[in-house]
């Protein structure tokens, strides 16, 4: 499979449970996600925690209400078999909207910048 650019968006539930924006079991073991941008918006002022493979990768300051905020200053890599989760500090009606722009790299497509025969 060829490398693909993707956008994933998710509207945080107000249950307080961590969300997996790429779904359970993604990225697959044979894939790697290189996330270029994580944008969040909220009607309230929660903090947002982004966890990569059970390690806190991003813990934002309190968001400014009704303002979209970029959480990344450099790309975030999620290797195959790991899970990315997003958690809002609040469970009230001020849910967050999360959007990520990313490049999906498939095993066998590219290696050190050069094409490998599949």
Protein backbone atom coordinates (compact mmCIF):
# COMPACT_ATOMS: atom_id res chain seq x y z
CA UNK A 1 0.00 0.00 0.00
CA UNK A 2 1.29 3.48 -0.82
CA UNK A 3 1.87 6.18 1.78
CA UNK A 4 -1.20 8.36 2.37
CA UNK A 5 -1.93 11.81 3.79
CA UNK A 6 -4.98 11.75 6.08
CA UNK A 7 -7.05 13.96 8.35
CA UNK A 8 -8.81 12.52 11.39
CA UNK A 9 -11.38 14.44 13.40
CA UNK A 10 -13.27 13.49 16.53
CA UNK A 11 -15.71 15.27 18.84
CA UNK A 12 -14.91 14.43 22.46
CA UNK A 13 -17.71 12.84 24.41
CA UNK A 14 -18.42 14.36 27.81
CA UNK A 15 -18.03 11.00 29.56
CA UNK A 16 -14.47 11.73 30.68
CA UNK A 17 -13.20 8.57 28.98
CA UNK A 18 -10.03 8.70 26.88
CA UNK A 19 -10.69 8.66 23.13
CA UNK A 20 -8.72 6.80 20.47
CA UNK A 21 -9.07 9.01 17.37
CA UNK A 22 -7.54 6.41 15.05
CA UNK A 23 -9.69 3.60 16.41
CA UNK A 24 -8.75 0.52 18.37
CA UNK A 25 -5.75 -1.38 17.02
CA UNK A 26 -4.48 1.49 14.82
CA UNK A 27 -1.90 2.06 13.56
CA UNK A 28 -1.41 -1.53 12.46
CA UNK A 29 1.93 -3.17 13.26
CA UNK A 30 2.98 -2.63 9.62
CA UNK A 31 2.15 1.13 9.75
CA UNK A 32 3.55 4.29 11.30
CA UNK A 33 1.68 7.58 11.65
CA UNK A 34 3.61 10.84 11.44
CA UNK A 35 1.28 13.49 12.86
CA UNK A 36 2.00 16.99 11.61
CA UNK A 37 -0.76 18.92 13.33
CA UNK A 38 -3.12 18.46 16.27
CA UNK A 39 -5.78 21.15 16.53
CA UNK A 40 -8.23 21.36 19.45
CA UNK A 41 -11.18 23.65 20.11
CA UNK A 42 -13.43 23.85 23.15
CA UNK A 43 -16.32 25.96 24.37
CA UNK A 44 -14.76 25.73 27.85
CA UNK A 45 -11.23 25.84 29.23
CA UNK A 46 -10.13 22.23 29.84
CA UNK A 47 -6.59 20.93 29.58
CA UNK A 48 -5.98 18.24 26.96
CA UNK A 49 -3.68 15.25 27.44
CA UNK A 50 -2.42 13.32 24.41
CA UNK A 51 -0.88 9.93 25.24
CA UNK A 52 1.28 7.88 22.86
CA UNK A 53 1.83 4.24 23.89
CA UNK A 54 0.85 4.97 27.54
CA UNK A 55 3.33 7.88 27.76
CA UNK A 56 2.07 11.46 28.06
CA UNK A 57 3.25 13.17 24.87
CA UNK A 58 1.35 16.45 25.30
CA UNK A 59 -0.31 18.07 28.30
CA UNK A 60 -1.74 21.41 27.26
CA UNK A 61 -2.28 24.45 29.39
CA UNK A 62 -5.94 25.32 29.85
CA UNK A 63 -7.49 26.02 26.47
CA UNK A 64 -8.95 29.43 25.69
CA UNK A 65 -12.69 29.10 25.18
CA UNK A 66 -13.82 29.10 21.53
CA UNK A 67 -10.27 29.39 20.16
CA UNK A 68 -8.58 26.69 18.07
CA UNK A 69 -5.16 25.77 19.48
CA UNK A 70 -2.28 23.90 17.78
CA UNK A 71 -0.76 21.40 20.24
CA UNK A 72 2.28 20.30 18.22
CA UNK A 73 5.51 22.19 17.69
CA UNK A 74 7.11 19.30 15.79
CA UNK A 75 5.84 16.01 14.28
CA UNK A 76 4.64 13.26 16.60
CA UNK A 77 5.38 9.67 15.54
CA UNK A 78 3.00 6.86 16.49
CA UNK A 79 4.56 3.50 15.67
CA UNK A 80 2.56 0.46 14.67
CA UNK A 81 0.95 -1.48 17.49
CA UNK A 82 0.82 1.59 19.79
CA UNK A 83 -2.29 3.57 20.70
CA UNK A 84 -2.78 7.34 20.67
CA UNK A 85 -5.40 8.61 23.13
CA UNK A 86 -6.86 12.06 23.80
CA UNK A 87 -8.38 13.04 27.15
CA UNK A 88 -10.09 16.25 28.22
CA UNK A 89 -9.84 17.37 31.85
CA UNK A 90 -13.55 18.17 32.00
CA UNK A 91 -16.66 16.03 31.70
CA UNK A 92 -19.15 18.87 31.39
CA UNK A 93 -20.84 20.15 28.25
CA UNK A 94 -17.60 21.85 27.14
CA UNK A 95 -16.34 18.96 25.06
CA UNK A 96 -13.29 19.30 22.80
CA UNK A 97 -13.08 18.91 19.05
CA UNK A 98 -9.84 17.22 17.97
CA UNK A 99 -8.35 17.21 14.48
CA UNK A 100 -5.06 15.66 13.30
CA UNK A 101 -3.28 15.92 9.95
CA UNK A 102 -0.93 13.00 9.37
CA UNK A 103 1.08 10.90 6.98
CA UNK A 104 0.44 7.15 7.12
CA UNK A 105 3.64 5.22 6.28
CA UNK A 106 3.21 1.58 5.27
CA UNK A 107 5.94 -1.00 5.76
CA UNK A 108 7.80 -1.73 2.55
CA UNK A 109 6.88 1.57 0.91
CA UNK A 110 9.88 3.69 1.83
CA UNK A 111 13.12 3.19 3.68
CA UNK A 112 15.62 5.99 4.41
CA UNK A 113 14.08 8.14 1.72
CA UNK A 114 14.41 5.54 -1.04
CA UNK A 115 11.81 3.29 -2.65
CA UNK A 116 12.03 -0.41 -1.87
CA UNK A 117 10.55 -3.02 -4.16
CA UNK A 118 7.46 -4.49 -2.55
